[in-house]
Amino acid sequence: MVEAVFSALMKQEGISQEEARRRTHLHICGGCCNWYGSKAKEAGFDPASLTAQERARIKAAIKAAFPDTEAETAVKLIHTYICG
């Protein structure tokens, strides 16, 4: 299901899978793991760099890929998939 989020973003925005994964990660990983607090700044990881339109498309892709899942649960599943 997480790959479906990436695929939707790839189609909608004409971006690579890596970029779709990065943007999704920026959207959902706002402090969900220790890495965010310790290394985010030095890695250039800034969730504020996403535009409102990008955020809206990511939210829509998540909702489409996880139609029967609470948003908070979907975010946790995606975070686990991306961050391990």
N, C-alpha and C. Protein backbone atom coordinates (compact mmCIF):
# COMPACT_ATOMS: atom_id res chain seq x y z
N MET A 1 0.81 -1.20 0.00
CA MET A 1 0.00 0.00 0.00
C MET A 1 0.85 1.26 0.00
N VAL A 2 1.99 1.21 0.68
CA VAL A 2 2.87 2.37 0.71
C VAL A 2 3.41 2.65 -0.69
N GLU A 3 3.75 1.60 -1.41
CA GLU A 3 4.25 1.79 -2.78
C GLU A 3 3.19 2.45 -3.66
N ALA A 4 1.91 2.22 -3.36
CA ALA A 4 0.83 2.86 -4.11
C ALA A 4 0.84 4.37 -3.91
N VAL A 5 1.23 4.79 -2.72
CA VAL A 5 1.37 6.23 -2.45
C VAL A 5 2.46 6.80 -3.34
N PHE A 6 3.60 6.12 -3.38
CA PHE A 6 4.71 6.57 -4.21
C PHE A 6 4.31 6.60 -5.68
N SER A 7 3.64 5.55 -6.14
CA SER A 7 3.23 5.45 -7.55
C SER A 7 2.29 6.59 -7.93
N ALA A 8 1.34 6.90 -7.05
CA ALA A 8 0.41 8.00 -7.34
C ALA A 8 1.15 9.31 -7.48
N LEU A 9 2.09 9.56 -6.59
CA LEU A 9 2.85 10.82 -6.66
C LEU A 9 3.74 10.85 -7.91
N MET A 10 4.31 9.71 -8.25
CA MET A 10 5.16 9.64 -9.45
C MET A 10 4.34 10.01 -10.68
N LYS A 11 3.12 9.48 -10.80
CA LYS A 11 2.26 9.77 -11.94
C LYS A 11 1.80 11.23 -11.94
N GLN A 12 1.32 11.70 -10.80
CA GLN A 12 0.76 13.05 -10.69
C GLN A 12 1.80 14.13 -10.94
N GLU A 13 3.00 13.91 -10.44
CA GLU A 13 4.00 14.97 -10.46
C GLU A 13 5.15 14.72 -11.43
N GLY A 14 5.17 13.54 -12.05
CA GLY A 14 6.24 13.22 -12.98
C GLY A 14 7.60 13.17 -12.30
N ILE A 15 7.64 12.54 -11.12
CA ILE A 15 8.87 12.48 -10.34
C ILE A 15 9.32 11.02 -10.21
N SER A 16 10.54 10.83 -9.79
CA SER A 16 11.08 9.49 -9.60
C SER A 16 10.51 8.86 -8.33
N GLN A 17 10.68 7.54 -8.22
CA GLN A 17 10.24 6.86 -7.01
C GLN A 17 11.01 7.38 -5.80
N GLU A 18 12.28 7.63 -5.98
CA GLU A 18 13.10 8.15 -4.89
C GLU A 18 12.57 9.50 -4.40
N GLU A 19 12.19 10.37 -5.34
CA GLU A 19 11.66 11.68 -4.96
C GLU A 19 10.29 11.55 -4.31
N ALA A 20 9.46 10.64 -4.80
CA ALA A 20 8.15 10.41 -4.20
C ALA A 20 8.31 9.92 -2.77
N ARG A 21 9.26 9.03 -2.57
CA ARG A 21 9.54 8.50 -1.23
C ARG A 21 10.04 9.62 -0.32
N ARG A 22 10.94 10.45 -0.84
CA ARG A 22 11.50 11.56 -0.04
C ARG A 22 10.40 12.52 0.39
N ARG A 23 9.53 12.89 -0.56
CA ARG A 23 8.46 13.84 -0.22
C ARG A 23 7.47 13.24 0.78
N THR A 24 7.15 11.97 0.60
CA THR A 24 6.26 11.31 1.55
C THR A 24 6.91 11.29 2.92
N HIS A 25 8.18 10.99 2.95
CA HIS A 25 8.93 10.96 4.21
C HIS A 25 8.92 12.35 4.86
N LEU A 26 9.15 13.37 4.08
CA LEU A 26 9.11 14.73 4.63
C LEU A 26 7.74 15.02 5.24
N HIS A 27 6.71 14.55 4.59
CA HIS A 27 5.35 14.84 5.06
C HIS A 27 5.01 14.10 6.34
N ILE A 28 5.41 12.83 6.45
CA ILE A 28 4.95 12.04 7.59
C ILE A 28 5.93 11.97 8.76
N CYS A 29 7.21 12.19 8.51
CA CYS A 29 8.20 11.96 9.56
C CYS A 29 8.62 13.28 10.21
N GLY A 30 7.73 13.84 10.95
CA GLY A 30 8.05 15.08 11.65
C GLY A 30 8.37 14.82 13.10
N GLY A 31 9.36 14.01 13.35
CA GLY A 31 9.74 13.73 14.71
C GLY A 31 9.32 12.36 15.19
N CYS A 32 8.93 11.50 14.26
CA CYS A 32 8.48 10.15 14.63
C CYS A 32 9.61 9.24 15.08
N CYS A 33 10.84 9.61 14.79
CA CYS A 33 11.94 8.72 15.17
C CYS A 33 13.13 9.53 15.69
N ASN A 34 14.07 8.85 16.30
CA ASN A 34 15.24 9.51 16.88
C ASN A 34 16.09 10.20 15.82
N TRP A 35 16.14 9.63 14.62
CA TRP A 35 16.95 10.21 13.55
C TRP A 35 16.55 11.65 13.29
N TYR A 36 15.24 11.91 13.29
CA TYR A 36 14.75 13.25 12.98
C TYR A 36 15.36 14.28 13.92
N GLY A 37 15.36 13.99 15.21
CA GLY A 37 15.88 14.93 16.19
C GLY A 37 17.38 15.08 16.17
N SER A 38 18.08 14.02 15.77
CA SER A 38 19.54 14.05 15.86
C SER A 38 20.25 14.42 14.56
N LYS A 39 19.68 14.08 13.40
CA LYS A 39 20.42 14.27 12.15
C LYS A 39 19.67 15.00 11.05
N ALA A 40 18.44 15.37 11.28
CA ALA A 40 17.62 15.97 10.24
C ALA A 40 18.23 17.24 9.67
N LYS A 41 18.68 18.13 10.54
CA LYS A 41 19.22 19.41 10.06
C LYS A 41 20.45 19.22 9.20
N GLU A 42 21.38 18.40 9.64
CA GLU A 42 22.60 18.21 8.86
C GLU A 42 22.33 17.48 7.55
N ALA A 43 21.23 16.74 7.46
CA ALA A 43 20.88 16.03 6.23
C ALA A 43 20.02 16.89 5.30
N GLY A 44 19.67 18.09 5.75
CA GLY A 44 18.84 18.97 4.93
C GLY A 44 17.39 18.52 4.89
N PHE A 45 16.95 17.84 5.93
CA PHE A 45 15.60 17.30 6.01
C PHE A 45 14.69 18.36 6.62
N ASP A 46 13.95 19.07 5.77
CA ASP A 46 13.11 20.17 6.24
C ASP A 46 11.69 20.00 5.72
N PRO A 47 10.78 19.47 6.55
CA PRO A 47 9.40 19.28 6.12
C PRO A 47 8.73 20.57 5.64
N ALA A 48 9.20 21.71 6.11
CA ALA A 48 8.63 22.99 5.69
C ALA A 48 8.91 23.29 4.22
N SER A 49 9.80 22.51 3.60
CA SER A 49 10.12 22.75 2.19
C SER A 49 9.03 22.26 1.25
N LEU A 50 8.07 21.48 1.75
CA LEU A 50 6.96 21.03 0.91
C LEU A 50 5.95 22.16 0.74
N THR A 51 5.44 22.31 -0.47
CA THR A 51 4.41 23.32 -0.71
C THR A 51 3.06 22.79 -0.23
N ALA A 52 2.10 23.68 -0.11
CA ALA A 52 0.75 23.28 0.30
C ALA A 52 0.16 22.30 -0.72
N GLN A 53 0.43 22.53 -1.99
CA GLN A 53 -0.07 21.64 -3.05
C GLN A 53 0.57 20.25 -2.93
N GLU A 54 1.86 20.19 -2.66
CA GLU A 54 2.53 18.91 -2.50
C GLU A 54 1.94 18.15 -1.31
N ARG A 55 1.74 18.86 -0.21
CA ARG A 55 1.15 18.23 0.98
C ARG A 55 -0.25 17.69 0.67
N ALA A 56 -1.04 18.47 -0.04
CA ALA A 56 -2.40 18.04 -0.39
C ALA A 56 -2.37 16.79 -1.26
N ARG A 57 -1.46 16.73 -2.23
CA ARG A 57 -1.37 15.56 -3.10
C ARG A 57 -0.90 14.33 -2.31
N ILE A 58 0.03 14.54 -1.39
CA ILE A 58 0.50 13.42 -0.56
C ILE A 58 -0.65 12.90 0.32
N LYS A 59 -1.38 13.82 0.94
CA LYS A 59 -2.51 13.41 1.78
C LYS A 59 -3.53 12.64 0.96
N ALA A 60 -3.82 13.11 -0.25
CA ALA A 60 -4.80 12.44 -1.11
C ALA A 60 -4.29 11.06 -1.52
N ALA A 61 -3.01 10.94 -1.82
CA ALA A 61 -2.43 9.65 -2.21
C ALA A 61 -2.48 8.67 -1.04
N ILE A 62 -2.22 9.16 0.16
CA ILE A 62 -2.29 8.30 1.35
C ILE A 62 -3.72 7.83 1.58
N LYS A 63 -4.66 8.75 1.47
CA LYS A 63 -6.07 8.40 1.67
C LYS A 63 -6.54 7.38 0.64
N ALA A 64 -6.09 7.53 -0.60
CA ALA A 64 -6.47 6.59 -1.66
C ALA A 64 -5.84 5.21 -1.44
N ALA A 65 -4.62 5.18 -0.96
CA ALA A 65 -3.92 3.91 -0.75
C ALA A 65 -4.37 3.20 0.53
N PHE A 66 -4.88 3.96 1.48
CA PHE A 66 -5.33 3.41 2.77
C PHE A 66 -6.77 3.86 3.04
N PRO A 67 -7.72 3.48 2.16
CA PRO A 67 -9.07 4.04 2.26
C PRO A 67 -9.82 3.70 3.55
N ASP A 68 -9.55 2.56 4.13
CA ASP A 68 -10.28 2.13 5.32
C ASP A 68 -9.44 2.22 6.60
N THR A 69 -8.40 3.06 6.55
CA THR A 69 -7.47 3.17 7.67
C THR A 69 -7.49 4.59 8.21
N GLU A 70 -7.51 4.71 9.52
CA GLU A 70 -7.42 6.04 10.15
C GLU A 70 -6.13 6.72 9.70
N ALA A 71 -6.15 8.02 9.51
CA ALA A 71 -4.98 8.76 9.03
C ALA A 71 -3.76 8.53 9.92
N GLU A 72 -3.95 8.56 11.23
CA GLU A 72 -2.83 8.38 12.16
C GLU A 72 -2.21 6.98 12.01
N THR A 73 -3.03 5.99 11.81
CA THR A 73 -2.54 4.63 11.61
C THR A 73 -1.78 4.52 10.30
N ALA A 74 -2.32 5.13 9.24
CA ALA A 74 -1.65 5.11 7.94
C ALA A 74 -0.27 5.76 8.04
N VAL A 75 -0.18 6.87 8.74
CA VAL A 75 1.10 7.55 8.92
C VAL A 75 2.08 6.64 9.65
N LYS A 76 1.62 5.94 10.67
CA LYS A 76 2.51 5.04 11.40
C LYS A 76 2.99 3.89 10.52
N LEU A 77 2.10 3.36 9.70
CA LEU A 77 2.48 2.28 8.78
C LEU A 77 3.50 2.76 7.76
N ILE A 78 3.29 3.94 7.22
CA ILE A 78 4.23 4.50 6.24
C ILE A 78 5.56 4.79 6.90
N HIS A 79 5.52 5.35 8.08
CA HIS A 79 6.77 5.65 8.81
C HIS A 79 7.56 4.37 9.04
N THR A 80 6.89 3.33 9.47
CA THR A 80 7.56 2.06 9.71
C THR A 80 8.17 1.52 8.41
N TYR A 81 7.47 1.64 7.32
CA TYR A 81 7.96 1.18 6.02
C TYR A 81 9.21 1.95 5.59
N ILE A 82 9.16 3.26 5.75
CA ILE A 82 10.27 4.11 5.29
C ILE A 82 11.44 4.09 6.26
N CYS A 83 11.16 4.24 7.54
CA CYS A 83 12.22 4.40 8.52
C CYS A 83 12.60 3.11 9.24
N GLY A 84 11.82 2.08 9.06
CA GLY A 84 12.14 0.79 9.67
C GLY A 84 11.73 0.62 11.04
